[in-house]
Amino acid sequence: MSSPTPTGESTTPRISRSPVLLDDHFAATADFAQSIRLAQDGRIVITRWSGQVHVVDPAAPSGREVRTAKPPRPADGFYYTAVLEEDQLCATLCSGVTVVCTAAP
């Protein structure tokens, strides 16, 4: 969390309200942005089921920089949450998931 300065301004970079394009070929019918986490250094980590992990740096000189990493992908399973710690990116992988469905209330 950011802490207020004596002038009342935040100590973390401001995030623009304008959209940030992560992937112009996002397969919306087969993929999902599962997790959005704030790293200690202020970067934003977005994990997709497919294993695509987007790291948005709002403090980059360009104003917003998006980098994409893709951890190894096994034959089955979904990625859930990626965590960025300095130069390491670690993600949880759930393999062998069973989905149970019922009628919505």
C-alpha atoms as a PDB file:
ATOM      1  CA  MET A   1       0.000   0.000   0.000  1.00  0.00           C
ATOM      2  CA  SER A   2       1.135   3.515  -0.608  1.00  0.00           C
ATOM      3  CA  SER A   3       1.538   5.884   2.265  1.00  0.00           C
ATOM      4  CA  PRO A   4       0.574   9.556   2.157  1.00  0.00           C
ATOM      5  CA  THR A   5       3.310  12.139   1.985  1.00  0.00           C
ATOM      6  CA  PRO A   6       3.075  15.434   3.906  1.00  0.00           C
ATOM      7  CA  THR A   7       1.470  16.988   0.806  1.00  0.00           C
ATOM      8  CA  GLY A   8      -1.156  14.223   0.673  1.00  0.00           C
ATOM      9  CA  GLU A   9       0.234  12.657  -2.517  1.00  0.00           C
ATOM     10  CA  SER A  10       0.810   8.943  -2.886  1.00  0.00           C
ATOM     11  CA  THR A  11       4.357   7.568  -2.837  1.00  0.00           C
ATOM     12  CA  THR A  12       3.526   4.955  -5.498  1.00  0.00           C
ATOM     13  CA  PRO A  13       3.276   5.705  -9.224  1.00  0.00           C
ATOM     14  CA  ARG A  14      -0.143   6.747 -10.415  1.00  0.00           C
ATOM     15  CA  ILE A  15      -1.898   4.317 -12.712  1.00  0.00           C
ATOM     16  CA  SER A  16      -3.680   5.846 -15.661  1.00  0.00           C
ATOM     17  CA  ARG A  17      -7.372   5.182 -16.122  1.00  0.00           C
ATOM     18  CA  SER A  18      -6.819   4.623 -19.819  1.00  0.00           C
ATOM     19  CA  PRO A  19      -6.818   0.972 -20.947  1.00  0.00           C
ATOM     20  CA  VAL A  20      -3.570  -0.960 -21.231  1.00  0.00           C
ATOM     21  CA  LEU A  21      -3.517  -3.426 -24.128  1.00  0.00           C
ATOM     22  CA  LEU A  22      -1.911  -6.620 -22.851  1.00  0.00           C
ATOM     23  CA  ASP A  23      -2.430  -8.859 -25.858  1.00  0.00           C
ATOM     24  CA  ASP A  24      -4.156  -7.949 -29.112  1.00  0.00           C
ATOM     25  CA  HIS A  25      -4.741 -11.688 -29.852  1.00  0.00           C
ATOM     26  CA  PHE A  26      -6.350 -12.568 -26.493  1.00  0.00           C
ATOM     27  CA  ALA A  27      -8.450 -15.728 -26.962  1.00  0.00           C
ATOM     28  CA  ALA A  28     -11.393 -14.630 -24.811  1.00  0.00           C
ATOM     29  CA  THR A  29     -13.269 -17.908 -25.358  1.00  0.00           C
ATOM     30  CA  ALA A  30     -10.345 -20.058 -24.194  1.00  0.00           C
ATOM     31  CA  ASP A  31      -8.356 -17.911 -21.772  1.00  0.00           C
ATOM     32  CA  PHE A  32      -9.003 -15.842 -18.666  1.00  0.00           C
ATOM     33  CA  ALA A  33      -7.096 -13.269 -16.610  1.00  0.00           C
ATOM     34  CA  GLN A  34      -7.162 -15.189 -13.332  1.00  0.00           C
ATOM     35  CA  SER A  35      -5.076 -13.053 -11.005  1.00  0.00           C
ATOM     36  CA  ILE A  36      -3.901  -9.460 -10.694  1.00  0.00           C
ATOM     37  CA  ARG A  37      -1.256  -8.791  -8.036  1.00  0.00           C
ATOM     38  CA  LEU A  38       0.802  -5.786  -7.060  1.00  0.00           C
ATOM     39  CA  ALA A  39       4.527  -6.564  -6.695  1.00  0.00           C
ATOM     40  CA  GLN A  40       6.635  -4.995  -3.933  1.00  0.00           C
ATOM     41  CA  ASP A  41       8.274  -2.656  -6.456  1.00  0.00           C
ATOM     42  CA  GLY A  42       4.947  -1.337  -7.826  1.00  0.00           C
ATOM     43  CA  ARG A  43       4.763  -3.467 -10.967  1.00  0.00           C
ATOM     44  CA  ILE A  44       1.455  -5.181 -11.688  1.00  0.00           C
ATOM     45  CA  VAL A  45       1.431  -8.918 -12.450  1.00  0.00           C
ATOM     46  CA  ILE A  46      -1.509 -10.357 -14.407  1.00  0.00           C
ATOM     47  CA  THR A  47      -1.698 -14.167 -14.677  1.00  0.00           C
ATOM     48  CA  ARG A  48      -3.774 -15.876 -17.365  1.00  0.00           C
ATOM     49  CA  TRP A  49      -4.954 -19.477 -17.356  1.00  0.00           C
ATOM     50  CA  SER A  50      -2.836 -20.127 -20.449  1.00  0.00           C
ATOM     51  CA  GLY A  51       0.331 -19.278 -18.549  1.00  0.00           C
ATOM     52  CA  GLN A  52       0.829 -15.912 -20.197  1.00  0.00           C
ATOM     53  CA  VAL A  53       1.965 -13.554 -17.459  1.00  0.00           C
ATOM     54  CA  HIS A  54       1.877  -9.827 -18.149  1.00  0.00           C
ATOM     55  CA  VAL A  55       4.002  -7.464 -16.060  1.00  0.00           C
ATOM     56  CA  VAL A  56       2.917  -3.828 -16.272  1.00  0.00           C
ATOM     57  CA  ASP A  57       5.385  -1.203 -15.066  1.00  0.00           C
ATOM     58  CA  PRO A  58       3.572   2.109 -14.498  1.00  0.00           C
ATOM     59  CA  ALA A  59       6.873   3.751 -13.498  1.00  0.00           C
ATOM     60  CA  ALA A  60       8.584   3.033 -16.845  1.00  0.00           C
ATOM     61  CA  PRO A  61       9.871   6.077 -18.759  1.00  0.00           C
ATOM     62  CA  SER A  62       7.181   5.511 -21.408  1.00  0.00           C
ATOM     63  CA  GLY A  63       4.490   5.821 -18.740  1.00  0.00           C
ATOM     64  CA  ARG A  64       3.435   2.167 -18.952  1.00  0.00           C
ATOM     65  CA  GLU A  65       5.492  -0.756 -20.090  1.00  0.00           C
ATOM     66  CA  VAL A  66       4.033  -4.233 -20.616  1.00  0.00           C
ATOM     67  CA  ARG A  67       6.260  -7.304 -20.734  1.00  0.00           C
ATOM     68  CA  THR A  68       4.968 -10.823 -21.221  1.00  0.00           C
ATOM     69  CA  ALA A  69       6.492 -14.049 -19.920  1.00  0.00           C
ATOM     70  CA  LYS A  70       5.287 -17.584 -20.498  1.00  0.00           C
ATOM     71  CA  PRO A  71       6.278 -20.263 -17.973  1.00  0.00           C
ATOM     72  CA  PRO A  72       6.602 -23.831 -19.314  1.00  0.00           C
ATOM     73  CA  ARG A  73       3.218 -25.277 -20.260  1.00  0.00           C
ATOM     74  CA  PRO A  74       2.435 -28.912 -19.504  1.00  0.00           C
ATOM     75  CA  ALA A  75      -0.090 -30.896 -21.552  1.00  0.00           C
ATOM     76  CA  ASP A  76      -2.917 -29.923 -19.201  1.00  0.00           C
ATOM     77  CA  GLY A  77      -3.618 -27.602 -16.310  1.00  0.00           C
ATOM     78  CA  PHE A  78      -4.205 -23.928 -15.681  1.00  0.00           C
ATOM     79  CA  TYR A  79      -2.000 -21.272 -14.183  1.00  0.00           C
ATOM     80  CA  TYR A  80      -3.559 -19.390 -11.290  1.00  0.00           C
ATOM     81  CA  THR A  81      -1.288 -16.827  -9.623  1.00  0.00           C
ATOM     82  CA  ALA A  82       2.142 -15.512 -10.537  1.00  0.00           C
ATOM     83  CA  VAL A  83       4.321 -13.655  -8.059  1.00  0.00           C
ATOM     84  CA  LEU A  84       7.195 -11.377  -8.978  1.00  0.00           C
ATOM     85  CA  GLU A  85      10.087 -11.143  -6.524  1.00  0.00           C
ATOM     86  CA  GLU A  86      13.040  -9.156  -7.847  1.00  0.00           C
ATOM     87  CA  ASP A  87      14.120 -11.080 -10.985  1.00  0.00           C
ATOM     88  CA  GLN A  88      12.131 -14.280 -10.268  1.00  0.00           C
ATOM     89  CA  LEU A  89       8.644 -14.985 -11.576  1.00  0.00           C
ATOM     90  CA  CYS A  90       6.894 -17.952  -9.965  1.00  0.00           C
ATOM     91  CA  ALA A  91       3.395 -19.190 -10.827  1.00  0.00           C
ATOM     92  CA  THR A  92       1.069 -21.780  -9.362  1.00  0.00           C
ATOM     93  CA  LEU A  93      -0.114 -24.463 -11.768  1.00  0.00           C
ATOM     94  CA  CYS A  94      -3.234 -26.501 -11.152  1.00  0.00           C
ATOM     95  CA  SER A  95      -3.183 -29.693 -13.142  1.00  0.00           C
ATOM     96  CA  GLY A  96      -5.937 -32.282 -13.199  1.00  0.00           C
ATOM     97  CA  VAL A  97      -8.700 -29.841 -12.245  1.00  0.00           C
ATOM     98  CA  THR A  98     -12.259 -31.130 -12.124  1.00  0.00           C
ATOM     99  CA  VAL A  99     -14.989 -28.610 -12.865  1.00  0.00           C
ATOM    100  CA  VAL A 100     -18.434 -29.277 -11.412  1.00  0.00           C
ATOM    101  CA  CYS A 101     -21.437 -27.363 -12.748  1.00  0.00           C
ATOM    102  CA  THR A 102     -24.994 -26.864 -11.552  1.00  0.00           C
ATOM    103  CA  ALA A 103     -27.889 -24.584 -12.446  1.00  0.00           C
ATOM    104  CA  ALA A 104     -27.462 -21.005 -11.353  1.00  0.00           C
ATOM    105  CA  PRO A 105     -29.876 -19.827  -8.632  1.00  0.00           C
END
